[in-house]
C-alpha atoms as a PDB file:
ATOM      1  CA  MET A   1       0.186   0.144  -0.205  1.00  0.00           C
ATOM      2  CA  ILE A   2       2.973   1.859  -0.787  1.00  0.00           C
ATOM      3  CA  ASP A   3       2.854   5.247  -3.511  1.00  0.00           C
ATOM      4  CA  HIS A   4       5.949   3.228  -5.377  1.00  0.00           C
ATOM      5  CA  GLU A   5       6.203   6.490  -8.039  1.00  0.00           C
ATOM      6  CA  ARG A   6       6.626   8.448  -5.368  1.00  0.00           C
ATOM      7  CA  ALA A   7       9.188   6.397  -3.394  1.00  0.00           C
ATOM      8  CA  VAL A   8      10.963   5.473  -6.903  1.00  0.00           C
ATOM      9  CA  ARG A   9      11.881   9.130  -7.595  1.00  0.00           C
ATOM     10  CA  GLU A  10      12.497  10.055  -3.372  1.00  0.00           C
ATOM     11  CA  PHE A  11      14.782   7.237  -3.432  1.00  0.00           C
ATOM     12  CA  ALA A  12      16.062   7.764  -7.470  1.00  0.00           C
ATOM     13  CA  GLY A  13      19.561   7.994  -7.269  1.00  0.00           C
ATOM     14  CA  ARG A  14      20.010   4.427  -4.075  1.00  0.00           C
ATOM     15  CA  ILE A  15      17.426   1.604  -6.368  1.00  0.00           C
ATOM     16  CA  PHE A  16      19.998  -0.872  -8.103  1.00  0.00           C
ATOM     17  CA  HIS A  17      16.792  -3.927  -8.325  1.00  0.00           C
ATOM     18  CA  VAL A  18      13.465  -3.913  -9.332  1.00  0.00           C
ATOM     19  CA  HIS A  19      11.255  -5.887  -9.278  1.00  0.00           C
ATOM     20  CA  ALA A  20       7.872  -6.129 -11.233  1.00  0.00           C
ATOM     21  CA  GLN A  21       4.456  -7.924  -9.377  1.00  0.00           C
ATOM     22  CA  LYS A  22       1.926  -6.429  -7.827  1.00  0.00           C
ATOM     23  CA  MET A  23      -0.171  -7.977  -5.031  1.00  0.00           C
ATOM     24  CA  HIS A  24      -3.298  -8.037  -3.948  1.00  0.00           C
ATOM     25  CA  ILE A  25      -4.859  -6.170  -1.465  1.00  0.00           C
ATOM     26  CA  GLY A  26      -8.320  -7.760  -0.220  1.00  0.00           C
ATOM     27  CA  ARG A  27      -9.681  -5.137   1.850  1.00  0.00           C
ATOM     28  CA  GLU A  28     -12.389  -7.647   3.127  1.00  0.00           C
ATOM     29  CA  ASP A  29      -9.769  -9.057   4.662  1.00  0.00           C
ATOM     30  CA  VAL A  30      -7.142  -6.067   5.728  1.00  0.00           C
ATOM     31  CA  TYR A  31     -10.347  -5.296   7.779  1.00  0.00           C
ATOM     32  CA  ALA A  32     -10.798  -9.346   9.115  1.00  0.00           C
ATOM     33  CA  HIS A  33      -7.458  -9.242   9.854  1.00  0.00           C
ATOM     34  CA  GLY A  34      -5.938  -5.708  10.523  1.00  0.00           C
ATOM     35  CA  VAL A  35      -3.040  -4.177   8.875  1.00  0.00           C
ATOM     36  CA  PHE A  36      -0.291  -5.612  11.960  1.00  0.00           C
ATOM     37  CA  ALA A  37      -1.475  -8.998  10.157  1.00  0.00           C
ATOM     38  CA  LYS A  38       1.997  -8.255   8.627  1.00  0.00           C
ATOM     39  CA  GLY A  39      -0.183  -9.098   5.432  1.00  0.00           C
ATOM     40  CA  MET A  40      -0.774 -12.985   6.010  1.00  0.00           C
ATOM     41  CA  GLY A  41      -4.569 -13.456   4.831  1.00  0.00           C
ATOM     42  CA  TRP A  42      -4.611 -10.337   3.043  1.00  0.00           C
ATOM     43  CA  HIS A  43      -1.973  -9.912   0.196  1.00  0.00           C
ATOM     44  CA  VAL A  44      -2.118 -12.384  -2.519  1.00  0.00           C
ATOM     45  CA  PRO A  45       0.740 -12.539  -4.834  1.00  0.00           C
ATOM     46  CA  ARG A  46      -0.374 -11.415  -8.137  1.00  0.00           C
ATOM     47  CA  LEU A  47       1.898 -11.666 -11.038  1.00  0.00           C
ATOM     48  CA  SER A  48       2.883  -8.409 -13.177  1.00  0.00           C
ATOM     49  CA  GLY A  49       0.738  -7.595 -16.029  1.00  0.00           C
ATOM     50  CA  LEU A  50      -2.723  -9.560 -14.537  1.00  0.00           C
ATOM     51  CA  ARG A  51      -4.996  -5.642 -14.447  1.00  0.00           C
ATOM     52  CA  GLY A  52      -4.270  -2.679 -11.297  1.00  0.00           C
ATOM     53  CA  VAL A  53      -0.733  -1.187 -12.101  1.00  0.00           C
ATOM     54  CA  ASP A  54       0.423   0.877 -14.992  1.00  0.00           C
ATOM     55  CA  TRP A  55       3.122  -0.562 -16.092  1.00  0.00           C
ATOM     56  CA  GLY A  56       3.801   2.333 -18.426  1.00  0.00           C
ATOM     57  CA  LYS A  57       3.849   5.363 -16.329  1.00  0.00           C
ATOM     58  CA  SER A  58       5.362   2.679 -14.022  1.00  0.00           C
ATOM     59  CA  ILE A  59       8.512   2.873 -15.947  1.00  0.00           C
ATOM     60  CA  ALA A  60       8.153   6.358 -17.030  1.00  0.00           C
ATOM     61  CA  VAL A  61       8.839   7.017 -13.406  1.00  0.00           C
ATOM     62  CA  LEU A  62      12.037   4.551 -13.841  1.00  0.00           C
ATOM     63  CA  THR A  63      13.645   6.239 -16.659  1.00  0.00           C
ATOM     64  CA  ALA A  64      13.055   9.672 -15.549  1.00  0.00           C
ATOM     65  CA  ALA A  65      15.560   9.122 -12.444  1.00  0.00           C
ATOM     66  CA  ARG A  66      17.353   7.357 -14.034  1.00  0.00           C
ATOM     67  CA  TYR A  67      17.144   3.804 -13.560  1.00  0.00           C
ATOM     68  CA  ASP A  68      18.495   1.998 -16.121  1.00  0.00           C
ATOM     69  CA  CYS A  69      18.871  -2.101 -15.060  1.00  0.00           C
ATOM     70  CA  VAL A  70      17.208  -5.100 -15.264  1.00  0.00           C
ATOM     71  CA  ILE A  71      13.416  -5.508 -14.187  1.00  0.00           C
ATOM     72  CA  SER A  72      12.990  -8.297 -13.061  1.00  0.00           C
ATOM     73  CA  ILE A  73       9.962 -10.637 -12.975  1.00  0.00           C
ATOM     74  CA  GLU A  74       8.760 -11.672  -9.995  1.00  0.00           C
ATOM     75  CA  HIS A  75       6.438 -15.291 -10.326  1.00  0.00           C
ATOM     76  CA  GLU A  76       4.880 -15.710  -6.635  1.00  0.00           C
ATOM     77  CA  ASP A  77       0.722 -16.774  -8.158  1.00  0.00           C
ATOM     78  CA  ARG A  78      -0.101 -18.914  -7.001  1.00  0.00           C
ATOM     79  CA  ASN A  79      -3.201 -19.330  -9.905  1.00  0.00           C
ATOM     80  CA  LEU A  80      -0.406 -19.483 -11.867  1.00  0.00           C
ATOM     81  CA  GLU A  81       1.682 -22.344 -10.438  1.00  0.00           C
ATOM     82  CA  GLY A  82       1.866 -26.215 -10.531  1.00  0.00           C
ATOM     83  CA  ASP A  83       3.772 -27.054 -13.921  1.00  0.00           C
ATOM     84  CA  GLU A  84       6.586 -25.557 -16.161  1.00  0.00           C
ATOM     85  CA  GLU A  85       4.518 -25.244 -19.086  1.00  0.00           C
ATOM     86  CA  LEU A  86       1.960 -23.213 -17.047  1.00  0.00           C
ATOM     87  CA  VAL A  87       4.633 -21.470 -15.434  1.00  0.00           C
ATOM     88  CA  LYS A  88       6.346 -20.806 -18.994  1.00  0.00           C
ATOM     89  CA  CYS A  89       3.457 -18.932 -19.932  1.00  0.00           C
ATOM     90  CA  ALA A  90       2.957 -16.556 -16.878  1.00  0.00           C
ATOM     91  CA  LEU A  91       6.766 -15.787 -17.457  1.00  0.00           C
ATOM     92  CA  TYR A  92       5.677 -14.580 -20.843  1.00  0.00           C
ATOM     93  CA  LEU A  93       2.824 -12.838 -20.257  1.00  0.00           C
ATOM     94  CA  ALA A  94       4.431 -10.880 -17.918  1.00  0.00           C
ATOM     95  CA  ARG A  95       7.330 -10.109 -20.560  1.00  0.00           C
ATOM     96  CA  ASP A  96       4.640  -9.162 -23.105  1.00  0.00           C
ATOM     97  CA  VAL A  97       2.960  -6.079 -20.934  1.00  0.00           C
ATOM     98  CA  LEU A  98       6.403  -4.611 -19.818  1.00  0.00           C
ATOM     99  CA  LYS A  99       8.052  -4.762 -22.849  1.00  0.00           C
ATOM    100  CA  PRO A 100       6.739  -2.263 -24.892  1.00  0.00           C
ATOM    101  CA  ASN A 101       7.320   0.109 -22.220  1.00  0.00           C
ATOM    102  CA  ILE A 102      11.164  -0.776 -21.918  1.00  0.00           C
ATOM    103  CA  GLN A 103      13.458   1.047 -25.387  1.00  0.00           C
END
């Protein structure tokens, strides 16, 4: 629940590695478990590319901050695990979403 674009602007000269991942925050689950549950029960990792993050804008902010390094795709999406082909398809999906935004 951090404004990641603001954080990039604030820490621009100190960013050395970026992971492309998003978290789904279950608002009802936050209510049920509370924020002090350290995410247990209310945050769910999702693959980049599956709605919710404007990757074009996010990458533009990184570019403006002069970040010119690797953007790693972090795959922890439980819905896209189970066999090697599903994992490969998920990674290709994330790549295809990110690629048009990278020079």
